[in-house]
């Protein structure tokens, strides 16, 4: 059963790498139809400043809302900006593809583990059956908001839309969207 832990991005410091998408999917060749064969992960790595995700969102999606809903902006990119053109083609592709929404999920890699604390955990979405076991940690230790979803006999990936809806509701309440 999937669990989603949403972190406050303000509490993430000193990233080692920031990429505009899931680098594992890139390594597995899932984005190949949008890239030149000579392109590698390193061609897409962004500056490791924590303002970079917001800058990427503004440039390619115009807003947090556009990013969350996977609605890329209509922008002009010089054809000589090969990586930017490839990325834009990837995020605006609405055809059937071998990848999921992580094609536009900004990936932040750190060298150190991130401790889950009340300073950085802002939301936990989990099956209702898990809540009794983890209520003290989520409510008392992390002081995070919690959303649950019912446990049915579905495949784990069939709960993703319910998790997204819970996160969307939370973001709307907090006026992040």
N, C-alpha and C. Protein backbone atom coordinates (compact mmCIF):
# COMPACT_ATOMS: atom_id res chain seq x y z
N UNK A 1 0.85 -1.17 0.00
CA UNK A 1 0.00 0.00 0.00
C UNK A 1 0.90 1.24 0.00
N UNK A 2 0.72 2.13 -0.94
CA UNK A 2 1.58 3.30 -1.01
C UNK A 2 1.32 4.30 0.12
N UNK A 3 2.40 4.94 0.54
CA UNK A 3 2.37 6.01 1.53
C UNK A 3 3.12 7.18 0.91
N UNK A 4 2.57 8.37 1.04
CA UNK A 4 3.23 9.56 0.52
C UNK A 4 3.55 10.50 1.68
N UNK A 5 4.81 10.91 1.75
CA UNK A 5 5.25 11.87 2.77
C UNK A 5 5.67 13.13 2.03
N UNK A 6 4.98 14.22 2.29
CA UNK A 6 5.26 15.49 1.63
C UNK A 6 6.14 16.32 2.55
N UNK A 7 7.28 16.76 2.02
CA UNK A 7 8.23 17.55 2.79
C UNK A 7 8.15 19.02 2.43
N UNK A 8 8.45 19.85 3.39
CA UNK A 8 8.55 21.29 3.16
C UNK A 8 9.85 21.54 2.40
N UNK A 9 9.79 22.04 1.17
CA UNK A 9 11.02 22.22 0.40
C UNK A 9 11.99 23.23 1.02
N UNK A 10 11.47 24.10 1.87
CA UNK A 10 12.34 25.09 2.53
C UNK A 10 13.35 24.43 3.47
N UNK A 11 13.08 23.19 3.87
CA UNK A 11 13.96 22.52 4.83
C UNK A 11 15.00 21.63 4.17
N UNK A 12 15.00 21.54 2.86
CA UNK A 12 16.00 20.75 2.14
C UNK A 12 17.18 21.66 1.82
N UNK A 13 18.35 21.26 2.26
CA UNK A 13 19.55 22.08 2.06
C UNK A 13 20.63 21.31 1.32
N UNK A 14 21.46 22.01 0.63
CA UNK A 14 22.65 21.46 -0.01
C UNK A 14 22.39 20.23 -0.87
N UNK A 15 21.56 20.35 -1.89
CA UNK A 15 21.36 19.20 -2.77
C UNK A 15 22.64 18.86 -3.52
N UNK A 16 22.83 17.60 -3.78
CA UNK A 16 23.98 17.16 -4.58
C UNK A 16 23.67 17.31 -6.07
N UNK A 17 22.43 16.97 -6.44
CA UNK A 17 22.00 17.08 -7.83
C UNK A 17 20.52 17.47 -7.87
N UNK A 18 20.16 18.23 -8.91
CA UNK A 18 18.76 18.53 -9.19
C UNK A 18 18.56 18.24 -10.68
N UNK A 19 17.54 17.45 -10.96
CA UNK A 19 17.22 17.12 -12.35
C UNK A 19 15.75 17.46 -12.60
N UNK A 20 15.39 17.77 -13.83
CA UNK A 20 14.01 18.15 -14.13
C UNK A 20 13.04 16.98 -14.24
N UNK A 21 13.55 15.76 -14.08
CA UNK A 21 12.72 14.57 -14.24
C UNK A 21 13.36 13.40 -13.50
N UNK A 22 12.69 12.27 -13.57
CA UNK A 22 13.15 11.03 -12.94
C UNK A 22 14.37 10.51 -13.70
N UNK A 23 15.56 10.60 -13.09
CA UNK A 23 16.77 10.18 -13.78
C UNK A 23 16.83 8.66 -13.96
N UNK A 24 16.13 7.93 -13.11
CA UNK A 24 16.07 6.48 -13.29
C UNK A 24 15.37 6.11 -14.58
N UNK A 25 14.27 6.81 -14.87
CA UNK A 25 13.55 6.56 -16.13
C UNK A 25 14.43 6.94 -17.33
N UNK A 26 15.20 8.01 -17.18
CA UNK A 26 16.12 8.41 -18.24
C UNK A 26 17.14 7.29 -18.46
N UNK A 27 17.74 6.80 -17.38
CA UNK A 27 18.74 5.73 -17.48
C UNK A 27 18.16 4.46 -18.09
N UNK A 28 16.89 4.20 -17.83
CA UNK A 28 16.23 3.01 -18.39
C UNK A 28 15.79 3.20 -19.83
N UNK A 29 16.06 4.38 -20.40
CA UNK A 29 15.73 4.63 -21.80
C UNK A 29 14.29 5.00 -22.07
N UNK A 30 13.53 5.30 -21.03
CA UNK A 30 12.11 5.58 -21.23
C UNK A 30 11.84 6.90 -21.95
N UNK A 31 12.81 7.82 -21.92
CA UNK A 31 12.63 9.12 -22.56
C UNK A 31 13.33 9.20 -23.92
N UNK A 32 13.87 8.09 -24.39
CA UNK A 32 14.73 8.11 -25.58
C UNK A 32 14.10 8.77 -26.80
N UNK A 33 12.80 8.63 -26.99
CA UNK A 33 12.20 9.20 -28.21
C UNK A 33 12.22 10.73 -28.21
N UNK A 34 12.52 11.33 -27.05
CA UNK A 34 12.57 12.79 -26.97
C UNK A 34 14.00 13.34 -26.93
N UNK A 35 14.97 12.45 -26.88
CA UNK A 35 16.36 12.88 -26.70
C UNK A 35 17.24 12.48 -27.87
N UNK A 36 18.28 13.24 -28.06
CA UNK A 36 19.32 12.85 -29.01
C UNK A 36 20.08 11.70 -28.38
N UNK A 37 20.49 10.70 -29.17
CA UNK A 37 21.18 9.54 -28.59
C UNK A 37 22.43 9.89 -27.78
N UNK A 38 23.05 11.02 -28.06
CA UNK A 38 24.26 11.40 -27.32
C UNK A 38 24.00 12.10 -26.00
N UNK A 39 22.75 12.37 -25.69
CA UNK A 39 22.42 13.08 -24.44
C UNK A 39 22.49 12.13 -23.24
N UNK A 40 22.94 12.69 -22.12
CA UNK A 40 23.03 11.90 -20.90
C UNK A 40 22.40 12.66 -19.74
N UNK A 41 22.33 12.02 -18.60
CA UNK A 41 21.78 12.65 -17.40
C UNK A 41 22.48 13.97 -17.12
N UNK A 42 23.79 13.98 -17.26
CA UNK A 42 24.58 15.18 -16.95
C UNK A 42 24.16 16.38 -17.79
N UNK A 43 23.67 16.15 -18.99
CA UNK A 43 23.22 17.24 -19.86
C UNK A 43 22.00 17.96 -19.30
N UNK A 44 21.26 17.30 -18.41
CA UNK A 44 20.02 17.87 -17.89
C UNK A 44 20.12 18.32 -16.44
N UNK A 45 21.24 18.08 -15.79
CA UNK A 45 21.36 18.49 -14.39
C UNK A 45 21.32 20.01 -14.28
N UNK A 46 20.62 20.47 -13.26
CA UNK A 46 20.43 21.90 -13.05
C UNK A 46 21.40 22.38 -11.97
N UNK A 47 21.48 23.69 -11.82
CA UNK A 47 22.27 24.24 -10.71
C UNK A 47 21.72 23.67 -9.41
N UNK A 48 22.59 23.51 -8.42
CA UNK A 48 22.16 22.91 -7.15
C UNK A 48 21.72 23.94 -6.12
N UNK A 49 21.14 25.00 -6.59
CA UNK A 49 20.55 26.01 -5.72
C UNK A 49 19.08 25.63 -5.50
N UNK A 50 18.61 25.76 -4.27
CA UNK A 50 17.23 25.36 -3.98
C UNK A 50 16.18 26.30 -4.58
N UNK A 51 16.59 27.37 -5.25
CA UNK A 51 15.62 28.16 -5.97
C UNK A 51 15.43 27.63 -7.41
N UNK A 52 16.27 26.68 -7.79
CA UNK A 52 16.19 26.14 -9.15
C UNK A 52 14.86 25.44 -9.45
N UNK A 53 14.30 24.61 -8.57
CA UNK A 53 13.00 24.02 -8.90
C UNK A 53 11.92 25.07 -9.20
N UNK A 54 11.88 26.12 -8.41
CA UNK A 54 10.88 27.17 -8.65
C UNK A 54 11.13 27.88 -9.99
N UNK A 55 12.39 28.08 -10.33
CA UNK A 55 12.72 28.71 -11.61
C UNK A 55 12.32 27.81 -12.78
N UNK A 56 12.56 26.51 -12.65
CA UNK A 56 12.17 25.57 -13.69
C UNK A 56 10.65 25.56 -13.86
N UNK A 57 9.93 25.52 -12.74
CA UNK A 57 8.47 25.52 -12.78
C UNK A 57 7.97 26.79 -13.47
N UNK A 58 8.51 27.93 -13.11
CA UNK A 58 8.07 29.19 -13.71
C UNK A 58 8.33 29.21 -15.22
N UNK A 59 9.49 28.74 -15.63
CA UNK A 59 9.86 28.76 -17.05
C UNK A 59 9.01 27.80 -17.89
N UNK A 60 8.86 26.56 -17.41
CA UNK A 60 8.23 25.54 -18.23
C UNK A 60 6.75 25.29 -17.94
N UNK A 61 6.27 25.75 -16.76
CA UNK A 61 4.86 25.51 -16.40
C UNK A 61 4.12 26.79 -16.02
N UNK A 62 4.84 27.87 -15.83
CA UNK A 62 4.33 29.18 -15.46
C UNK A 62 3.90 29.30 -14.00
N UNK A 63 3.44 28.21 -13.38
CA UNK A 63 2.94 28.30 -12.01
C UNK A 63 2.99 26.93 -11.34
N UNK A 64 2.85 26.93 -10.01
CA UNK A 64 2.75 25.66 -9.29
C UNK A 64 1.54 24.87 -9.76
N UNK A 65 0.48 25.56 -10.05
CA UNK A 65 -0.74 24.91 -10.54
C UNK A 65 -0.45 24.18 -11.85
N UNK A 66 0.20 24.85 -12.79
CA UNK A 66 0.55 24.21 -14.06
C UNK A 66 1.45 23.01 -13.86
N UNK A 67 2.41 23.13 -12.95
CA UNK A 67 3.31 22.02 -12.65
C UNK A 67 2.55 20.85 -12.04
N UNK A 68 1.73 21.13 -11.04
CA UNK A 68 1.00 20.06 -10.35
C UNK A 68 0.09 19.30 -11.31
N UNK A 69 -0.56 20.02 -12.20
CA UNK A 69 -1.50 19.38 -13.12
C UNK A 69 -0.83 18.91 -14.41
N UNK A 70 0.48 19.08 -14.51
CA UNK A 70 1.18 18.61 -15.71
C UNK A 70 0.79 19.35 -16.96
N UNK A 71 0.59 20.68 -16.83
CA UNK A 71 0.21 21.51 -17.97
C UNK A 71 1.36 22.44 -18.33
N UNK A 72 2.24 22.02 -19.22
CA UNK A 72 3.36 22.87 -19.58
C UNK A 72 2.93 24.14 -20.30
N UNK A 73 3.72 25.16 -20.12
CA UNK A 73 3.47 26.43 -20.78
C UNK A 73 3.79 26.31 -22.27
N UNK A 74 3.15 27.15 -23.05
CA UNK A 74 3.49 27.26 -24.47
C UNK A 74 4.58 28.32 -24.55
N UNK A 75 5.78 27.87 -24.84
CA UNK A 75 6.92 28.79 -24.86
C UNK A 75 7.75 28.57 -26.12
N UNK A 76 8.48 29.60 -26.46
CA UNK A 76 9.42 29.53 -27.58
C UNK A 76 10.80 29.25 -27.01
N UNK A 77 11.44 28.22 -27.55
CA UNK A 77 12.79 27.86 -27.12
C UNK A 77 13.67 27.85 -28.36
N UNK A 78 14.78 28.56 -28.31
CA UNK A 78 15.68 28.53 -29.48
C UNK A 78 16.07 27.09 -29.81
N UNK A 79 16.08 26.76 -31.09
CA UNK A 79 16.37 25.38 -31.50
C UNK A 79 17.77 24.93 -31.10
N UNK A 80 18.66 25.87 -30.82
CA UNK A 80 20.02 25.50 -30.40
C UNK A 80 20.10 25.12 -28.93
N UNK A 81 19.02 25.31 -28.19
CA UNK A 81 18.96 24.90 -26.78
C UNK A 81 18.42 23.47 -26.74
N UNK A 82 19.26 22.53 -27.16
CA UNK A 82 18.83 21.15 -27.39
C UNK A 82 18.19 20.49 -26.17
N UNK A 83 18.80 20.65 -25.02
CA UNK A 83 18.27 20.01 -23.81
C UNK A 83 16.93 20.61 -23.42
N UNK A 84 16.80 21.93 -23.50
CA UNK A 84 15.54 22.58 -23.16
C UNK A 84 14.43 22.17 -24.12
N UNK A 85 14.76 22.08 -25.41
CA UNK A 85 13.78 21.64 -26.40
C UNK A 85 13.36 20.20 -26.11
N UNK A 86 14.33 19.34 -25.81
CA UNK A 86 14.02 17.93 -25.52
C UNK A 86 13.14 17.81 -24.29
N UNK A 87 13.49 18.55 -23.24
CA UNK A 87 12.69 18.51 -22.01
C UNK A 87 11.27 19.01 -22.27
N UNK A 88 11.15 20.11 -22.99
CA UNK A 88 9.83 20.66 -23.28
C UNK A 88 9.00 19.67 -24.10
N UNK A 89 9.62 19.02 -25.07
CA UNK A 89 8.91 18.01 -25.86
C UNK A 89 8.46 16.85 -24.97
N UNK A 90 9.30 16.46 -24.03
CA UNK A 90 8.96 15.38 -23.11
C UNK A 90 7.75 15.73 -22.26
N UNK A 91 7.75 16.92 -21.65
CA UNK A 91 6.67 17.26 -20.72
C UNK A 91 5.36 17.60 -21.42
N UNK A 92 5.42 17.97 -22.69
CA UNK A 92 4.17 18.29 -23.39
C UNK A 92 3.63 17.11 -24.18
N UNK A 93 4.34 15.98 -24.19
CA UNK A 93 3.90 14.79 -24.91
C UNK A 93 2.70 14.17 -24.19
N UNK A 94 1.58 14.11 -24.87
CA UNK A 94 0.38 13.53 -24.26
C UNK A 94 0.01 12.18 -24.89
N UNK A 95 0.90 11.67 -25.71
CA UNK A 95 0.62 10.37 -26.33
C UNK A 95 0.90 9.24 -25.33
N UNK A 96 0.49 8.07 -25.69
CA UNK A 96 0.78 6.90 -24.86
C UNK A 96 2.29 6.74 -24.77
N UNK A 97 2.79 6.57 -23.56
CA UNK A 97 4.24 6.52 -23.37
C UNK A 97 4.60 5.46 -22.33
N UNK A 98 5.84 5.01 -22.35
CA UNK A 98 6.27 4.00 -21.38
C UNK A 98 6.63 4.58 -20.00
N UNK A 99 6.37 5.86 -19.78
CA UNK A 99 6.70 6.51 -18.52
C UNK A 99 5.45 7.15 -17.93
N UNK A 100 5.56 7.58 -16.68
CA UNK A 100 4.42 8.19 -16.00
C UNK A 100 4.72 9.66 -15.70
N UNK A 101 4.01 10.22 -14.74
CA UNK A 101 4.13 11.65 -14.44
C UNK A 101 5.51 12.03 -13.89
N UNK A 102 6.32 11.07 -13.55
CA UNK A 102 7.67 11.40 -13.08
C UNK A 102 8.54 11.97 -14.20
N UNK A 103 8.03 11.96 -15.43
CA UNK A 103 8.75 12.58 -16.53
C UNK A 103 8.91 14.08 -16.30
N UNK A 104 8.07 14.65 -15.45
CA UNK A 104 8.19 16.07 -15.14
C UNK A 104 8.39 16.32 -13.65
N UNK A 105 8.60 15.27 -12.87
CA UNK A 105 8.82 15.43 -11.43
C UNK A 105 10.25 15.87 -11.18
N UNK A 106 10.41 17.00 -10.55
CA UNK A 106 11.75 17.51 -10.27
C UNK A 106 12.38 16.62 -9.21
N UNK A 107 13.55 16.11 -9.53
CA UNK A 107 14.26 15.17 -8.65
C UNK A 107 15.37 15.93 -7.93
N UNK A 108 15.34 15.85 -6.61
CA UNK A 108 16.38 16.49 -5.80
C UNK A 108 17.11 15.39 -5.04
N UNK A 109 18.40 15.26 -5.30
CA UNK A 109 19.22 14.24 -4.66
C UNK A 109 20.13 14.91 -3.63
N UNK A 110 20.24 14.27 -2.48
CA UNK A 110 21.12 14.77 -1.43
C UNK A 110 22.13 13.68 -1.08
N UNK A 111 23.24 14.09 -0.48
CA UNK A 111 24.24 13.11 -0.04
C UNK A 111 23.90 12.57 1.34
N UNK A 112 23.20 13.35 2.12
CA UNK A 112 22.88 12.96 3.49
C UNK A 112 21.42 12.54 3.58
N UNK A 113 21.13 11.62 4.47
CA UNK A 113 19.72 11.27 4.69
C UNK A 113 18.95 12.49 5.19
N UNK A 114 17.68 12.51 4.89
CA UNK A 114 16.82 13.59 5.38
C UNK A 114 16.03 13.04 6.56
N UNK A 115 16.27 13.59 7.71
CA UNK A 115 15.53 13.17 8.90
C UNK A 115 14.09 13.65 8.77
N UNK A 116 13.18 12.78 9.08
CA UNK A 116 11.76 13.14 9.07
C UNK A 116 11.44 13.72 10.44
N UNK A 117 11.15 15.03 10.46
CA UNK A 117 10.92 15.76 11.72
C UNK A 117 9.74 16.70 11.56
N UNK A 118 9.35 17.30 12.66
CA UNK A 118 8.24 18.27 12.60
C UNK A 118 8.62 19.51 11.80
N UNK A 119 9.91 19.73 11.59
CA UNK A 119 10.34 20.87 10.79
C UNK A 119 10.15 20.65 9.30
N UNK A 120 10.17 19.39 8.86
CA UNK A 120 10.10 19.21 7.41
C UNK A 120 8.94 18.35 6.89
N UNK A 121 8.31 17.53 7.70
CA UNK A 121 7.18 16.74 7.22
C UNK A 121 5.91 17.58 7.38
N UNK A 122 5.24 17.85 6.27
CA UNK A 122 4.04 18.68 6.35
C UNK A 122 2.75 17.89 6.10
N UNK A 123 2.86 16.74 5.43
CA UNK A 123 1.67 15.93 5.14
C UNK A 123 2.07 14.48 4.97
N UNK A 124 1.22 13.59 5.47
CA UNK A 124 1.37 12.16 5.24
C UNK A 124 0.03 11.63 4.73
N UNK A 125 0.08 10.92 3.61
CA UNK A 125 -1.10 10.27 3.07
C UNK A 125 -0.84 8.77 3.12
N UNK A 126 -1.74 8.05 3.79
CA UNK A 126 -1.53 6.62 3.98
C UNK A 126 -2.86 5.89 4.09
N UNK A 127 -2.83 4.56 3.96
CA UNK A 127 -4.07 3.81 4.13
C UNK A 127 -4.60 3.98 5.55
N UNK A 128 -5.92 4.07 5.69
CA UNK A 128 -6.53 4.22 7.00
C UNK A 128 -6.12 3.12 7.97
N UNK A 129 -5.89 1.92 7.45
CA UNK A 129 -5.51 0.80 8.32
C UNK A 129 -4.13 1.00 8.94
N UNK A 130 -3.31 1.87 8.37
CA UNK A 130 -1.97 2.13 8.92
C UNK A 130 -2.00 3.21 10.01
N UNK A 131 -3.07 4.00 10.03
CA UNK A 131 -3.07 5.17 10.90
C UNK A 131 -2.89 4.83 12.37
N UNK A 132 -3.58 3.84 12.87
CA UNK A 132 -3.44 3.52 14.30
C UNK A 132 -2.00 3.22 14.67
N UNK A 133 -1.30 2.53 13.80
CA UNK A 133 0.09 2.17 14.09
C UNK A 133 1.02 3.38 14.07
N UNK A 134 0.76 4.36 13.21
CA UNK A 134 1.68 5.49 13.02
C UNK A 134 1.14 6.83 13.50
N UNK A 135 -0.04 6.85 14.10
CA UNK A 135 -0.67 8.10 14.53
C UNK A 135 0.24 8.93 15.45
N UNK A 136 0.88 8.29 16.43
CA UNK A 136 1.73 9.02 17.37
C UNK A 136 2.90 9.70 16.67
N UNK A 137 3.55 9.00 15.77
CA UNK A 137 4.68 9.58 15.05
C UNK A 137 4.21 10.75 14.19
N UNK A 138 3.14 10.54 13.43
CA UNK A 138 2.66 11.58 12.51
C UNK A 138 2.12 12.78 13.27
N UNK A 139 1.28 12.55 14.24
CA UNK A 139 0.63 13.66 14.94
C UNK A 139 1.51 14.28 16.02
N UNK A 140 2.14 13.46 16.83
CA UNK A 140 2.90 13.99 17.96
C UNK A 140 4.33 14.38 17.58
N UNK A 141 5.06 13.44 16.97
CA UNK A 141 6.46 13.71 16.65
C UNK A 141 6.61 14.69 15.48
N UNK A 142 5.91 14.40 14.39
CA UNK A 142 6.06 15.24 13.20
C UNK A 142 5.10 16.42 13.19
N UNK A 143 4.01 16.33 13.91
CA UNK A 143 2.98 17.37 13.92
C UNK A 143 2.52 17.71 12.50
N UNK A 144 2.40 16.68 11.70
CA UNK A 144 2.04 16.84 10.29
C UNK A 144 0.55 16.62 10.09
N UNK A 145 0.03 17.19 9.01
CA UNK A 145 -1.32 16.87 8.60
C UNK A 145 -1.32 15.43 8.11
N UNK A 146 -2.45 14.78 8.24
CA UNK A 146 -2.55 13.40 7.79
C UNK A 146 -3.85 13.22 7.01
N UNK A 147 -3.77 12.48 5.94
CA UNK A 147 -4.93 12.12 5.14
C UNK A 147 -4.88 10.61 4.96
N UNK A 148 -6.02 10.00 5.03
CA UNK A 148 -6.07 8.55 4.83
C UNK A 148 -6.93 8.21 3.63
N UNK A 149 -6.73 7.02 3.14
CA UNK A 149 -7.59 6.51 2.09
C UNK A 149 -7.98 5.08 2.47
N UNK A 150 -9.13 4.63 1.98
CA UNK A 150 -9.58 3.28 2.36
C UNK A 150 -8.73 2.21 1.71
N UNK A 151 -8.55 1.12 2.42
CA UNK A 151 -7.79 -0.01 1.88
C UNK A 151 -8.77 -0.99 1.24
N UNK A 152 -8.61 -1.17 -0.01
CA UNK A 152 -9.40 -2.15 -0.74
C UNK A 152 -8.43 -3.13 -1.38
N UNK A 153 -8.94 -4.12 -1.97
CA UNK A 153 -8.09 -5.13 -2.60
C UNK A 153 -7.74 -4.71 -4.02
N UNK A 154 -7.10 -3.56 -4.13
CA UNK A 154 -6.64 -3.08 -5.42
C UNK A 154 -5.13 -3.27 -5.49
N UNK A 155 -4.60 -3.11 -6.68
CA UNK A 155 -3.15 -3.11 -6.85
C UNK A 155 -2.64 -1.78 -6.29
N UNK A 156 -1.44 -1.76 -5.73
CA UNK A 156 -0.92 -0.51 -5.12
C UNK A 156 -0.98 0.70 -6.05
N UNK A 157 -0.66 0.53 -7.34
CA UNK A 157 -0.67 1.70 -8.23
C UNK A 157 -2.07 2.23 -8.49
N UNK A 158 -3.10 1.46 -8.14
CA UNK A 158 -4.47 1.93 -8.34
C UNK A 158 -4.89 2.95 -7.28
N UNK A 159 -4.06 3.16 -6.27
CA UNK A 159 -4.35 4.15 -5.24
C UNK A 159 -3.72 5.52 -5.54
N UNK A 160 -2.92 5.60 -6.57
CA UNK A 160 -2.18 6.83 -6.85
C UNK A 160 -3.10 8.02 -7.06
N UNK A 161 -4.19 7.85 -7.78
CA UNK A 161 -5.09 8.99 -8.01
C UNK A 161 -5.72 9.46 -6.70
N UNK A 162 -5.99 8.55 -5.78
CA UNK A 162 -6.55 8.94 -4.48
C UNK A 162 -5.51 9.74 -3.69
N UNK A 163 -4.26 9.32 -3.76
CA UNK A 163 -3.19 10.04 -3.07
C UNK A 163 -3.03 11.44 -3.67
N UNK A 164 -3.03 11.51 -5.00
CA UNK A 164 -2.93 12.82 -5.66
C UNK A 164 -4.07 13.73 -5.24
N UNK A 165 -5.26 13.18 -5.16
CA UNK A 165 -6.42 14.00 -4.75
C UNK A 165 -6.23 14.52 -3.33
N UNK A 166 -5.73 13.69 -2.44
CA UNK A 166 -5.48 14.12 -1.06
C UNK A 166 -4.44 15.23 -1.01
N UNK A 167 -3.39 15.08 -1.80
CA UNK A 167 -2.34 16.11 -1.84
C UNK A 167 -2.89 17.39 -2.46
N UNK A 168 -3.66 17.25 -3.53
CA UNK A 168 -4.27 18.43 -4.15
C UNK A 168 -5.16 19.17 -3.16
N UNK A 169 -6.00 18.46 -2.42
CA UNK A 169 -6.87 19.10 -1.42
C UNK A 169 -6.04 19.83 -0.37
N UNK A 170 -4.98 19.21 0.09
CA UNK A 170 -4.09 19.83 1.08
C UNK A 170 -3.46 21.11 0.50
N UNK A 171 -2.92 21.01 -0.71
CA UNK A 171 -2.29 22.18 -1.34
C UNK A 171 -3.29 23.32 -1.52
N UNK A 172 -4.51 22.99 -1.89
CA UNK A 172 -5.53 24.04 -2.04
C UNK A 172 -5.82 24.70 -0.69
N UNK A 173 -5.97 23.88 0.36
CA UNK A 173 -6.23 24.42 1.69
C UNK A 173 -5.12 25.35 2.15
N UNK A 174 -3.88 24.98 1.82
CA UNK A 174 -2.71 25.78 2.23
C UNK A 174 -2.39 26.88 1.22
N UNK A 175 -3.17 26.93 0.14
CA UNK A 175 -3.01 27.93 -0.92
C UNK A 175 -1.67 27.83 -1.63
N UNK A 176 -1.18 26.59 -1.78
CA UNK A 176 0.03 26.33 -2.57
C UNK A 176 -0.31 26.27 -4.05
N UNK A 177 -1.57 25.97 -4.35
CA UNK A 177 -2.03 25.91 -5.75
C UNK A 177 -2.93 27.08 -6.05
